[in-house]
Protein backbone atom coordinates (compact mmCIF):
# COMPACT_ATOMS: atom_id res chain seq x y z
CA MET A 1 14.96 29.26 12.46
CA LYS A 2 13.27 25.92 11.77
CA PRO A 3 11.68 25.39 8.36
CA PRO A 4 7.97 26.18 8.23
CA LEU A 5 5.29 23.53 8.32
CA PRO A 6 1.79 23.77 6.82
CA SER A 7 0.06 26.99 7.84
CA SER A 8 -2.39 29.40 6.35
CA VAL A 9 -1.27 32.14 3.97
CA ALA A 10 -1.14 35.36 6.01
CA ALA A 11 -0.98 37.82 3.11
CA THR A 12 -4.51 37.03 1.86
CA PRO A 13 -7.87 36.53 3.54
CA ARG A 14 -8.36 33.02 4.88
CA LEU A 15 -9.86 30.67 2.33
CA ARG A 16 -13.42 29.96 3.47
CA LEU A 17 -15.68 27.26 2.08
CA ARG A 18 -19.25 26.13 2.56
CA LEU A 19 -20.40 22.68 1.54
CA THR A 20 -23.61 21.06 0.45
CA ALA A 21 -25.72 19.77 3.32
CA ALA A 22 -24.93 16.17 2.41
CA ALA A 23 -21.18 16.79 2.28
CA GLU A 24 -21.25 18.68 5.57
CA ALA A 25 -22.93 15.73 7.25
CA ILE A 26 -20.36 13.32 5.80
CA VAL A 27 -17.44 15.42 7.05
CA ARG A 28 -18.97 15.72 10.50
CA ARG A 29 -19.19 11.91 10.63
CA GLY A 30 -15.43 11.73 10.08
CA HIS A 31 -14.90 11.21 6.36
CA PRO A 32 -11.63 12.95 5.36
CA TRP A 33 -12.46 14.00 1.79
CA VAL A 34 -14.44 16.87 0.29
CA PHE A 35 -15.03 16.49 -3.45
CA ALA A 36 -15.11 19.44 -5.84
CA ASP A 37 -18.83 19.13 -6.54
CA SER A 38 -19.55 19.29 -2.80
CA VAL A 39 -18.19 22.85 -2.47
CA ARG A 40 -21.23 25.12 -2.53
CA GLU A 41 -19.45 28.41 -1.92
CA GLN A 42 -15.93 29.81 -1.43
CA ASN A 43 -14.70 33.35 -0.94
CA ARG A 44 -11.82 33.25 -3.44
CA GLU A 45 -9.61 30.97 -5.51
CA GLY A 46 -7.29 28.83 -3.45
CA ALA A 47 -3.75 27.59 -4.01
CA ALA A 48 -2.50 24.02 -3.62
CA GLY A 49 -1.46 23.42 -0.03
CA GLU A 50 -3.43 26.30 1.41
CA LEU A 51 -5.55 25.72 4.48
CA ALA A 52 -9.27 25.91 3.77
CA ALA A 53 -11.57 26.70 6.68
CA ILE A 54 -15.02 25.14 6.31
CA PHE A 55 -18.07 26.85 7.77
CA ASP A 56 -21.58 25.54 8.24
CA ARG A 57 -24.84 27.12 7.13
CA ASN A 58 -24.84 29.28 10.29
CA ASP A 59 -21.38 30.64 9.41
CA LYS A 60 -19.79 28.64 12.23
CA PHE A 61 -16.39 27.04 11.73
CA PHE A 62 -16.44 23.24 11.93
CA ALA A 63 -13.48 21.84 9.92
CA ILE A 64 -10.19 22.67 8.25
CA GLY A 65 -8.15 20.93 5.59
CA PHE A 66 -5.67 21.14 2.74
CA TYR A 67 -6.98 22.68 -0.48
CA ASP A 68 -6.00 21.28 -3.88
CA PRO A 69 -7.58 23.08 -6.87
CA GLN A 70 -6.35 20.47 -9.38
CA SER A 71 -7.71 17.40 -7.62
CA PRO A 72 -11.28 16.04 -7.61
CA ILE A 73 -10.68 15.69 -3.86
CA ARG A 74 -10.79 19.42 -3.35
CA VAL A 75 -10.15 19.40 0.42
CA ARG A 76 -8.46 16.75 2.56
CA ILE A 77 -9.68 17.24 6.10
CA LEU A 78 -7.15 17.76 8.87
CA HIS A 79 -9.43 18.53 11.79
CA VAL A 80 -13.13 18.61 12.64
CA GLY A 81 -14.34 20.56 15.67
CA GLN A 82 -13.33 23.82 17.27
CA SER A 83 -10.70 25.98 15.61
CA LEU A 84 -7.08 25.15 16.36
CA ALA A 85 -3.67 26.09 15.02
CA ILE A 86 -2.25 23.93 12.23
CA ASP A 87 1.36 24.64 13.15
CA GLU A 88 4.63 22.82 13.78
CA LYS A 89 3.38 21.42 17.08
CA PHE A 90 0.26 20.06 15.38
CA TRP A 91 2.37 18.07 12.89
CA ARG A 92 4.96 17.03 15.45
CA ASP A 93 2.22 15.61 17.67
CA ARG A 94 0.73 13.71 14.74
CA LEU A 95 4.08 12.24 13.76
CA VAL A 96 4.84 11.18 17.32
CA ALA A 97 1.39 9.59 17.61
CA ALA A 98 1.92 7.56 14.43
CA LEU A 99 5.38 6.43 15.56
CA THR A 100 4.11 5.55 19.04
CA ARG A 101 1.33 3.35 17.63
CA ARG A 102 3.97 1.27 15.83
CA ARG A 103 6.51 1.11 18.65
CA GLU A 104 5.57 -2.39 19.84
CA TRP A 105 4.83 -3.95 16.45
CA PHE A 106 8.33 -4.43 15.07
CA ASP A 107 11.71 -5.53 16.36
CA ALA A 108 15.22 -5.75 14.93
CA GLN A 109 14.09 -8.66 12.73
CA THR A 110 11.79 -6.32 10.77
CA THR A 111 13.27 -3.06 9.52
CA GLY A 112 10.85 -2.31 6.70
CA TYR A 113 7.35 -1.03 7.51
CA ARG A 114 4.96 1.90 7.15
CA LEU A 115 5.31 4.79 9.56
CA ILE A 116 2.48 7.02 8.28
CA ASN A 117 -0.53 5.74 6.36
CA GLY A 118 -2.16 8.87 4.97
CA GLU A 119 -5.54 9.97 6.22
CA SER A 120 -5.79 7.04 8.63
CA ASP A 121 -2.81 8.43 10.57
CA GLY A 122 -3.89 12.06 10.22
CA TRP A 123 -1.62 12.89 7.25
CA PRO A 124 -4.02 13.11 4.29
CA GLY A 125 -2.49 12.18 0.95
CA LEU A 126 0.93 11.26 2.38
CA VAL A 127 2.59 7.98 3.32
CA LEU A 128 5.99 7.40 4.89
CA ASP A 129 7.79 4.05 4.75
CA ARG A 130 10.99 2.97 6.42
CA TYR A 131 13.60 0.65 4.90
CA GLU A 132 16.49 0.33 7.37
CA GLN A 133 17.92 3.89 7.56
CA THR A 134 16.10 5.12 4.44
CA CYS A 135 12.73 6.87 4.58
CA VAL A 136 10.50 7.03 1.51
CA LEU A 137 7.91 9.80 1.42
CA LYS A 138 5.11 9.30 -1.11
CA ILE A 139 2.52 11.97 -1.77
CA TYR A 140 -0.82 11.80 -3.53
CA THR A 141 -1.80 15.48 -3.59
CA ALA A 142 0.02 18.61 -4.75
CA ALA A 143 -1.05 20.20 -1.46
CA TRP A 144 2.10 18.83 0.16
CA PHE A 145 4.66 20.30 -2.24
CA ALA A 146 4.78 23.68 -0.53
CA HIS A 147 5.53 22.00 2.79
CA LEU A 148 8.20 19.44 1.96
CA THR A 149 10.96 21.38 3.73
CA GLY A 150 9.10 21.28 7.02
CA ILE A 151 8.22 17.60 6.63
CA VAL A 152 11.84 16.67 5.97
CA HIS A 153 12.85 18.64 9.06
CA LEU A 154 10.42 16.64 11.22
CA ILE A 155 11.45 13.29 9.75
CA ARG A 156 15.12 14.06 10.39
CA GLU A 157 14.39 15.26 13.91
CA HIS A 158 12.50 12.13 14.97
CA LEU A 159 13.87 9.32 12.77
CA HIS A 160 17.46 10.36 11.95
CA PRO A 161 17.50 8.68 8.51
CA GLU A 162 20.51 8.50 6.24
CA LEU A 163 18.37 9.10 3.14
CA ILE A 164 14.91 10.53 2.41
CA VAL A 165 13.43 9.83 -1.03
CA LEU A 166 10.36 11.46 -2.58
CA ARG A 167 7.92 9.31 -4.55
CA LEU A 168 4.99 10.75 -6.50
CA SER A 169 1.69 9.15 -7.35
CA ARG A 170 1.13 8.63 -11.07
CA LYS A 171 -1.39 11.48 -11.20
CA LEU A 172 1.17 13.99 -9.94
CA GLY A 173 3.98 13.08 -12.33
CA VAL A 174 3.12 15.63 -15.04
CA SER A 175 1.63 18.37 -12.89
CA VAL A 176 4.75 19.29 -10.91
CA PRO A 177 7.65 19.82 -13.32
CA LEU A 178 9.93 21.07 -10.53
CA ARG A 179 9.62 17.77 -8.65
CA THR A 180 10.78 14.33 -9.76
CA ASP A 181 9.64 10.87 -8.77
CA GLY A 182 12.61 9.33 -6.95
CA GLU A 183 14.11 12.68 -6.00
CA VAL A 184 16.43 12.66 -2.98
CA LEU A 185 15.19 15.14 -0.40
CA PHE A 186 17.96 14.49 2.11
CA GLN A 187 21.14 12.44 2.21
CA GLY A 188 23.53 12.13 5.09
CA GLY A 189 26.46 10.72 3.19
CA PRO A 190 27.86 10.47 -0.35
CA ALA A 191 25.54 10.98 -3.31
CA PRO A 192 23.33 7.88 -3.84
CA PRO A 193 23.41 5.98 -7.15
CA ALA A 194 20.77 6.72 -9.77
CA ASN A 195 18.88 3.55 -8.81
CA THR A 196 19.07 3.15 -5.04
CA THR A 197 18.54 -0.37 -3.74
CA VAL A 198 18.17 -0.72 0.03
CA ILE A 199 18.52 -4.08 1.79
CA PHE A 200 16.17 -4.42 4.76
CA GLN A 201 14.83 -7.20 6.97
CA GLU A 202 11.36 -8.67 7.30
CA HIS A 203 10.88 -11.33 9.97
CA GLY A 204 14.59 -12.07 9.66
CA LEU A 205 14.64 -12.42 5.87
CA ARG A 206 16.80 -10.03 3.85
CA LEU A 207 14.98 -8.27 1.00
CA GLU A 208 15.77 -5.51 -1.44
CA ALA A 209 13.72 -2.38 -2.09
CA ASP A 210 14.28 -0.16 -5.12
CA VAL A 211 13.26 3.00 -3.30
CA ARG A 212 13.72 5.40 -6.23
CA ARG A 213 12.24 3.44 -9.13
CA GLY A 214 10.39 0.45 -7.68
CA GLN A 215 6.64 0.03 -7.41
CA LYS A 216 4.86 1.73 -4.51
CA THR A 217 7.73 2.91 -2.28
CA GLY A 218 10.08 0.12 -3.37
CA PHE A 219 8.45 -3.03 -1.97
CA PHE A 220 4.99 -4.39 -1.13
CA LEU A 221 5.22 -4.00 2.64
CA ASP A 222 1.48 -4.50 3.08
CA GLN A 223 1.62 -8.27 2.38
CA ARG A 224 3.96 -8.96 5.31
CA GLU A 225 1.42 -10.88 7.42
CA ASN A 226 0.12 -12.90 4.47
CA ARG A 227 3.69 -13.85 3.56
CA GLN A 228 4.23 -15.07 7.11
CA GLN A 229 1.01 -17.09 6.93
CA VAL A 230 2.16 -18.72 3.69
CA GLU A 231 5.39 -19.69 5.44
CA ALA A 232 3.37 -21.50 8.10
CA LEU A 233 1.46 -23.45 5.41
CA ALA A 234 4.32 -24.34 3.09
CA ALA A 235 6.09 -27.29 4.74
CA HIS A 236 6.50 -30.26 2.34
CA ARG A 237 4.40 -28.54 -0.31
CA THR A 238 5.01 -27.54 -3.91
CA VAL A 239 4.15 -23.86 -4.34
CA LEU A 240 3.04 -21.75 -7.31
CA ASN A 241 3.42 -18.01 -6.79
CA ALA A 242 1.45 -16.35 -9.60
CA PHE A 243 2.15 -12.64 -10.18
CA SER A 244 5.24 -13.33 -8.11
CA PHE A 245 6.92 -9.90 -8.52
CA SER A 246 10.13 -9.96 -6.46
CA GLY A 247 9.41 -13.36 -4.92
CA GLY A 248 8.40 -12.42 -1.39
CA PHE A 249 5.78 -15.16 -1.02
CA SER A 250 8.17 -17.69 -2.58
CA LEU A 251 10.99 -16.79 -0.21
CA TYR A 252 8.77 -17.22 2.84
CA ALA A 253 7.44 -20.52 1.47
CA ALA A 254 10.98 -21.78 0.96
CA ARG A 255 11.94 -20.88 4.52
CA GLY A 256 8.79 -22.63 5.69
CA GLY A 257 9.97 -25.90 4.17
CA ALA A 258 8.38 -25.97 0.71
CA THR A 259 9.89 -28.68 -1.47
CA SER A 260 9.70 -26.40 -4.52
CA VAL A 261 8.56 -22.91 -5.47
CA THR A 262 7.61 -21.67 -8.94
CA ASP A 263 7.62 -17.92 -9.65
CA LEU A 264 5.26 -16.88 -12.45
CA ASP A 265 5.46 -13.29 -13.69
CA LEU A 266 5.46 -11.42 -16.98
CA SER A 267 8.27 -9.09 -15.95
CA ALA A 268 11.87 -10.18 -16.44
CA HIS A 269 12.86 -7.33 -14.11
CA ALA A 270 10.65 -8.75 -11.35
CA LEU A 271 11.99 -12.27 -11.79
CA ALA A 272 15.54 -10.95 -11.60
CA ALA A 273 14.67 -9.18 -8.33
CA ALA A 274 13.32 -12.49 -6.99
CA ARG A 275 16.61 -14.20 -7.84
CA ARG A 276 18.49 -11.50 -5.97
CA ASN A 277 16.23 -11.86 -2.92
CA PHE A 278 16.86 -15.60 -2.83
CA ALA A 279 20.59 -14.97 -3.16
CA LEU A 280 20.46 -12.64 -0.16
CA ASN A 281 19.14 -15.55 1.94
CA HIS A 282 21.06 -18.47 0.45
CA ASN A 283 22.67 -19.35 3.79
CA HIS A 284 19.32 -20.40 5.27
CA PRO A 285 19.22 -24.22 5.04
CA THR A 286 15.57 -24.69 4.00
CA ILE A 287 15.82 -21.89 1.44
CA ALA A 288 18.96 -23.44 -0.01
CA ALA A 289 17.27 -26.86 -0.15
CA CYS A 290 14.12 -25.64 -1.91
CA ARG A 291 13.95 -26.30 -5.66
CA ARG A 292 13.21 -23.14 -7.63
CA GLU A 293 11.67 -22.49 -11.03
CA GLN A 294 10.88 -19.23 -12.79
CA ILE A 295 8.39 -18.81 -15.62
CA GLN A 296 8.20 -15.55 -17.54
CA ALA A 297 4.66 -15.43 -18.93
CA ASP A 298 1.31 -13.71 -18.65
CA ALA A 299 -0.14 -15.35 -15.54
CA PHE A 300 -3.73 -15.37 -16.81
CA GLN A 301 -2.71 -17.12 -20.03
CA TRP A 302 -0.28 -19.54 -18.40
CA LEU A 303 -2.84 -20.64 -15.82
CA ALA A 304 -5.42 -21.20 -18.55
CA HIS A 305 -3.16 -23.23 -20.87
CA ASN A 306 -1.01 -25.33 -18.53
CA LEU A 307 -3.59 -27.30 -16.59
CA ASP A 308 -1.31 -30.33 -16.39
CA ARG A 309 0.85 -28.48 -13.81
CA LYS A 310 -0.41 -29.14 -10.28
CA PHE A 311 0.72 -27.67 -6.96
CA ASP A 312 -0.03 -28.13 -3.27
CA LEU A 313 -0.24 -24.38 -2.60
CA VAL A 314 -1.26 -21.74 -5.15
CA ILE A 315 -0.88 -18.03 -4.41
CA LEU A 316 -2.69 -15.46 -6.57
CA ASP A 317 -1.61 -11.88 -5.90
CA PRO A 318 -2.30 -9.85 -9.06
CA PRO A 319 -1.83 -6.10 -9.44
CA SER A 320 -4.95 -3.99 -9.08
CA LEU A 321 -7.60 -5.06 -11.58
CA ALA A 322 -9.78 -1.98 -10.99
CA ARG A 323 -7.99 1.37 -10.91
CA ARG A 324 -11.28 3.26 -11.21
CA GLU A 325 -14.90 2.64 -10.26
CA ALA A 326 -15.92 2.00 -13.88
CA GLU A 327 -13.67 -1.08 -13.91
CA ARG A 328 -15.17 -2.67 -10.79
CA ALA A 329 -17.63 -5.07 -12.46
CA GLY A 330 -15.03 -6.33 -14.92
CA ALA A 331 -12.52 -6.81 -12.11
CA ILE A 332 -14.94 -8.94 -10.11
CA ARG A 333 -15.45 -11.23 -13.11
CA ALA A 334 -11.67 -11.40 -13.61
CA TYR A 335 -11.11 -12.32 -9.95
CA GLU A 336 -13.65 -15.15 -10.23
CA LYS A 337 -12.00 -16.44 -13.41
CA LEU A 338 -8.55 -16.19 -11.86
CA ALA A 339 -9.61 -18.04 -8.72
CA GLY A 340 -11.15 -20.80 -10.85
CA ALA A 341 -7.89 -21.14 -12.78
CA GLY A 342 -5.91 -21.30 -9.54
CA ILE A 343 -8.19 -24.01 -8.16
CA ALA A 344 -7.70 -26.02 -11.35
CA HIS A 345 -3.96 -26.16 -10.57
CA LEU A 346 -4.41 -27.54 -7.04
CA ARG A 347 -3.40 -31.04 -6.15
CA ARG A 348 -5.58 -33.08 -3.82
CA ASN A 349 -5.76 -31.46 -0.36
CA GLY A 350 -4.32 -28.27 -1.83
CA ILE A 351 -4.55 -24.69 -0.53
CA LEU A 352 -5.48 -21.55 -2.49
CA VAL A 353 -4.47 -18.08 -1.30
CA ALA A 354 -6.20 -15.37 -3.36
CA CYS A 355 -5.42 -11.68 -2.83
CA SER A 356 -6.72 -8.34 -4.12
CA CYS A 357 -5.28 -4.84 -3.81
CA SER A 358 -8.11 -3.19 -5.80
CA GLY A 359 -9.53 -0.44 -3.66
CA HIS A 360 -12.60 -0.14 -5.90
CA VAL A 361 -13.54 -3.78 -5.23
CA PRO A 362 -14.97 -4.12 -1.69
CA GLN A 363 -14.03 -7.08 0.48
CA GLU A 364 -17.43 -8.71 0.25
CA GLU A 365 -17.43 -8.60 -3.56
CA PHE A 366 -13.90 -9.99 -3.88
CA PHE A 367 -14.52 -12.75 -1.37
CA GLY A 368 -17.82 -13.47 -3.10
CA ALA A 369 -16.07 -13.88 -6.46
CA VAL A 370 -13.59 -16.39 -5.03
CA ARG A 371 -16.32 -18.29 -3.19
CA THR A 372 -18.33 -18.52 -6.39
CA ALA A 373 -15.32 -19.98 -8.20
CA ALA A 374 -14.91 -22.52 -5.41
CA ARG A 375 -18.57 -23.58 -5.59
CA ARG A 376 -18.36 -24.00 -9.35
CA SER A 377 -15.30 -26.20 -9.15
CA ASP A 378 -15.51 -29.94 -8.57
CA ARG A 379 -13.40 -29.61 -5.42
CA ARG A 380 -14.60 -29.75 -1.83
CA LEU A 381 -13.03 -26.48 -0.76
CA ILE A 382 -13.66 -24.88 2.59
CA GLU A 383 -12.89 -21.33 3.61
CA TRP A 384 -10.19 -21.25 6.21
CA GLN A 385 -9.70 -17.53 6.84
CA THR A 386 -9.82 -14.04 5.38
CA THR A 387 -7.41 -11.21 6.11
CA GLY A 388 -7.24 -7.47 5.53
CA GLN A 389 -4.59 -4.83 5.96
CA PRO A 390 -1.73 -5.10 8.45
CA PRO A 391 -1.69 -2.82 11.50
CA ASP A 392 0.88 -0.42 10.04
CA HIS A 393 -1.54 0.19 7.12
CA PRO A 394 -4.67 1.19 9.11
CA ALA A 395 -7.88 2.00 7.23
CA THR A 396 -10.16 4.35 9.15
CA PHE A 397 -12.59 4.98 6.28
CA LYS A 398 -14.04 2.84 3.50
CA GLU A 399 -11.91 4.05 0.61
CA ALA A 400 -8.69 3.35 2.53
CA ALA A 401 -9.43 -0.38 2.83
CA TYR A 402 -7.94 -1.94 -0.30
CA LEU A 403 -6.05 -5.12 0.67
CA LYS A 404 -7.80 -8.43 1.26
CA ALA A 405 -6.96 -12.11 1.04
CA ILE A 406 -8.92 -15.34 1.33
CA TYR A 407 -7.56 -18.80 2.13
CA LEU A 408 -9.32 -21.93 0.82
CA ARG A 409 -8.34 -25.46 1.79
CA GLU A 410 -9.66 -28.66 0.28
CA ARG A 411 -11.70 -30.59 2.82
CA GLY A 412 -9.56 -33.25 4.39
CA GLY A 413 -6.37 -31.26 3.81
CA LYS A 414 -3.83 -30.81 6.57
């Protein structure tokens, strides 16, 4: 018999909820979250991973979702409309739909990408990334723990991976003592090493992902298109990659013909990963010809105190500066200051690429901060383009849209 997938608990009465009028209207419009203070009534206590049926003021069913009693997001909506079975077929159809959407986006030159992007692909609180024959499953709600066996079964059935690794969001790390971040859920061969590094391809470049201990699911897959854009801009330019992490932007710039790249990061571990990524691609002639420098320092401080260093292309890709709503205003000021510092390091006709992954800072506020920095500089900078999330990271509701980048070019630049 196949392992079970998410279903309601038959031994107890179905968990039934009613919401405030405002929350009901929001859910009907398609928002996938119900917050704890929006639950007006429920018939009993619910367990993590249980299906919660939501009824309107006329006691008519209109939605169903996963219940999580420990999360401020009390219910993550799975379906709005007439009642239907949340069974194995339901999840198989959703997986196939997500895989089908991505079928034409990637070829053999790119073997690392997102297969499921949470709520926006119909899998609330769950993402699934592929690195070659390894799948990394990251979950953001304890609602999924009871159903991991069924999920692994589906992944194996449709993707045939050699390894499936579980990653946990920071908020889940202490609440589930029986589960471990980096745990191997399935392996098809010998036992993997304690720190599993997978080599995958992205637009023909070889890159490493630390799938058990690395940030996110092992690599920042979401910047793929911006890295490719930097490659197109880099020919004959000197490049500064601030907050360089494992050197993805630098590697693309080198392949694009940059004369030199400088990695700037506080983490020695990250700089070592960048060296390994360059070593993986040392046979490429333009990468081999590119001069490389690494600086281990706080990027904010280095940018502020080394104004004599000038570059043709400056990339600013800091970690999130606002992990909660209360930090939003401070993050906007920090983004403006950071953009001003980056502009100060531009040579004549230089290009600035400024990025943000702060979900609590909306696009318009981040772009506004960078534009303000540009106006306050003494440079004649023009906005060339802005970008958002790549297609394998769809954002179907406001809170899911976190990634943004803006490209500024000095007027007269080529």
